Amino acid sequence: MHNPSIVAIVAMSVIRMKKTDLVKNLGLKIQGKMRAAGVPGRFGEGAAQLPDRREQRKLDQAAGLVPFAVKLHGELVRQLQAQAQAEGVHVHALTERLLRAGLAAEPAAVPPPAPKAATPKAPAKKAPAKKVPAKKVAS
């Protein structure tokens, strides 16, 4: 069989492993398992298919799209998002369609914006005059 001295040496080497060596071996074991698992799709080949921001901007410009920021009331935005989700389209596409329909409508059908009420300006207050003490006249 095996030489008893070799078995004793192997057993002693296992016993003599420091805790740091055990942790290091465990780390190497975990790294090996991670490498064997492969790369998830979101970081692998699938990630290369999405254009970065610069490329996306060039694609949008080629399609005639221009970024256009608008501030809207929160309730209106929620309505747009809900309608877009119900129709299964992006908010961009829904907004474009609604704007085109609104602009194509007859001008009489679109109510003009309400004029702002002119607020009368209050007269400016004058600062109180400083009282200067009268000079004493020598008699």
Protein backbone atom coordinates (compact mmCIF):
# COMPACT_ATOMS: atom_id res chain seq x y z
CA MET A 1 0.00 0.00 0.00
CA HIS A 2 1.05 3.53 0.75
CA ASN A 3 4.11 4.30 2.69
CA PRO A 4 2.97 5.27 6.21
CA SER A 5 5.44 8.12 6.40
CA ILE A 6 4.02 9.76 3.24
CA VAL A 7 0.48 9.48 4.60
CA ALA A 8 1.61 11.04 7.86
CA ILE A 9 3.34 13.90 6.02
CA VAL A 10 0.23 14.61 3.91
CA ALA A 11 -1.98 14.53 7.00
CA MET A 12 0.36 16.87 8.83
CA SER A 13 0.42 19.33 5.90
CA VAL A 14 -3.37 19.51 5.95
CA ILE A 15 -3.39 20.09 9.66
CA ARG A 16 -0.67 22.72 9.43
CA MET A 17 -2.61 24.97 6.97
CA LYS A 18 -3.13 28.40 8.36
CA LYS A 19 -6.54 29.98 8.43
CA THR A 20 -5.45 32.53 5.81
CA ASP A 21 -4.42 29.69 3.49
CA LEU A 22 -7.81 28.03 3.92
CA VAL A 23 -9.58 31.30 3.12
CA LYS A 24 -7.34 31.83 0.09
CA ASN A 25 -8.12 28.33 -1.21
CA LEU A 26 -11.82 28.92 -0.68
CA GLY A 27 -11.56 32.18 -2.63
CA LEU A 28 -9.79 30.42 -5.49
CA LYS A 29 -12.49 27.76 -5.50
CA ILE A 30 -15.23 30.41 -5.72
CA GLN A 31 -13.39 32.25 -8.52
CA GLY A 32 -13.13 29.03 -10.50
CA LYS A 33 -16.87 28.43 -10.18
CA MET A 34 -17.62 32.00 -11.26
CA ARG A 35 -15.42 31.69 -14.36
CA ALA A 36 -17.08 28.42 -15.30
CA ALA A 37 -20.55 29.98 -15.02
CA GLY A 38 -19.94 32.40 -17.91
CA VAL A 39 -20.96 36.02 -18.39
CA PRO A 40 -24.63 37.05 -17.99
CA GLY A 41 -26.34 38.26 -21.15
CA ARG A 42 -26.74 41.83 -19.98
CA PHE A 43 -22.94 42.20 -19.79
CA GLY A 44 -21.99 39.94 -22.66
CA GLU A 45 -22.90 39.97 -26.32
CA GLY A 46 -26.32 41.52 -25.75
CA ALA A 47 -24.82 44.65 -24.22
CA ALA A 48 -22.81 45.40 -27.36
CA GLN A 49 -26.01 45.66 -29.43
CA LEU A 50 -27.23 48.82 -27.66
CA PRO A 51 -25.69 52.04 -29.02
CA ASP A 52 -24.06 54.44 -26.61
CA ARG A 53 -25.39 57.97 -26.12
CA ARG A 54 -23.29 59.54 -28.86
CA GLU A 55 -24.32 56.91 -31.42
CA GLN A 56 -27.96 57.16 -30.33
CA ARG A 57 -27.83 60.96 -30.76
CA LYS A 58 -26.45 60.53 -34.29
CA LEU A 59 -29.18 58.01 -35.12
CA ASP A 60 -31.85 60.39 -33.77
CA GLN A 61 -30.43 63.31 -35.78
CA ALA A 62 -30.40 61.19 -38.94
CA ALA A 63 -34.07 60.39 -38.32
CA GLY A 64 -34.85 64.10 -37.92
CA LEU A 65 -35.49 63.94 -34.18
CA VAL A 66 -34.63 66.93 -32.01
CA PRO A 67 -34.54 66.88 -28.19
CA PHE A 68 -37.30 69.13 -26.84
CA ALA A 69 -37.71 69.58 -23.09
CA VAL A 70 -41.09 70.71 -21.78
CA LYS A 71 -42.28 71.28 -18.24
CA LEU A 72 -45.74 69.82 -17.61
CA HIS A 73 -47.96 69.42 -14.57
CA GLY A 74 -47.52 66.10 -12.78
CA GLU A 75 -51.13 65.02 -13.35
CA LEU A 76 -50.80 65.53 -17.11
CA VAL A 77 -47.59 63.48 -17.18
CA ARG A 78 -49.28 60.65 -15.27
CA GLN A 79 -52.16 60.69 -17.77
CA LEU A 80 -49.70 60.52 -20.68
CA GLN A 81 -47.82 57.64 -19.11
CA ALA A 82 -51.01 55.73 -18.33
CA GLN A 83 -52.36 56.20 -21.86
CA ALA A 84 -49.02 55.21 -23.41
CA GLN A 85 -48.90 52.06 -21.29
CA ALA A 86 -52.51 51.21 -22.16
CA GLU A 87 -51.76 51.58 -25.88
CA GLY A 88 -48.41 49.80 -25.59
CA VAL A 89 -46.37 52.66 -27.09
CA HIS A 90 -43.61 54.91 -25.80
CA VAL A 91 -44.51 58.25 -24.27
CA HIS A 92 -42.50 59.93 -27.06
CA ALA A 93 -44.67 58.40 -29.77
CA LEU A 94 -47.90 59.20 -27.94
CA THR A 95 -46.83 62.81 -27.31
CA GLU A 96 -45.90 63.26 -30.96
CA ARG A 97 -49.25 61.87 -32.12
CA LEU A 98 -51.22 64.07 -29.71
CA LEU A 99 -49.26 67.20 -30.67
CA ARG A 100 -49.78 66.55 -34.39
CA ALA A 101 -53.51 66.01 -33.83
CA GLY A 102 -53.75 69.15 -31.71
CA LEU A 103 -51.87 71.29 -34.22
CA ALA A 104 -53.91 69.92 -37.12
CA ALA A 105 -57.18 70.85 -35.39
CA GLU A 106 -58.92 74.01 -36.50
CA PRO A 107 -57.76 77.10 -34.63
CA ALA A 108 -61.33 77.81 -33.43
CA ALA A 109 -61.44 74.42 -31.71
CA VAL A 110 -58.37 75.17 -29.62
CA PRO A 111 -59.17 77.65 -26.86
CA PRO A 112 -56.73 80.55 -26.68
CA PRO A 113 -54.74 80.90 -23.50
CA ALA A 114 -56.49 82.93 -20.83
CA PRO A 115 -55.06 86.43 -20.51
CA LYS A 116 -53.31 87.09 -17.27
CA ALA A 117 -55.07 89.57 -15.03
CA ALA A 118 -53.05 92.73 -14.69
CA THR A 119 -52.25 93.32 -11.07
CA PRO A 120 -52.20 97.01 -10.15
CA LYS A 121 -48.87 98.11 -8.83
CA ALA A 122 -48.88 99.65 -5.40
CA PRO A 123 -47.31 103.09 -5.25
CA ALA A 124 -43.76 103.02 -4.05
CA LYS A 125 -43.32 104.02 -0.45
CA LYS A 126 -41.04 106.94 0.18
CA ALA A 127 -38.44 106.69 2.87
CA PRO A 128 -39.15 108.95 5.85
CA ALA A 129 -37.13 112.16 5.86
CA LYS A 130 -34.36 112.42 8.42
CA LYS A 131 -34.83 115.03 11.10
CA VAL A 132 -31.85 117.31 11.31
CA PRO A 133 -31.42 119.15 14.60
CA ALA A 134 -31.63 122.92 14.27
CA LYS A 135 -28.45 124.89 14.68
CA LYS A 136 -28.18 127.02 17.74
CA VAL A 137 -27.86 130.69 16.95
CA ALA A 138 -25.39 132.56 19.09
CA SER A 139 -26.93 135.61 20.71
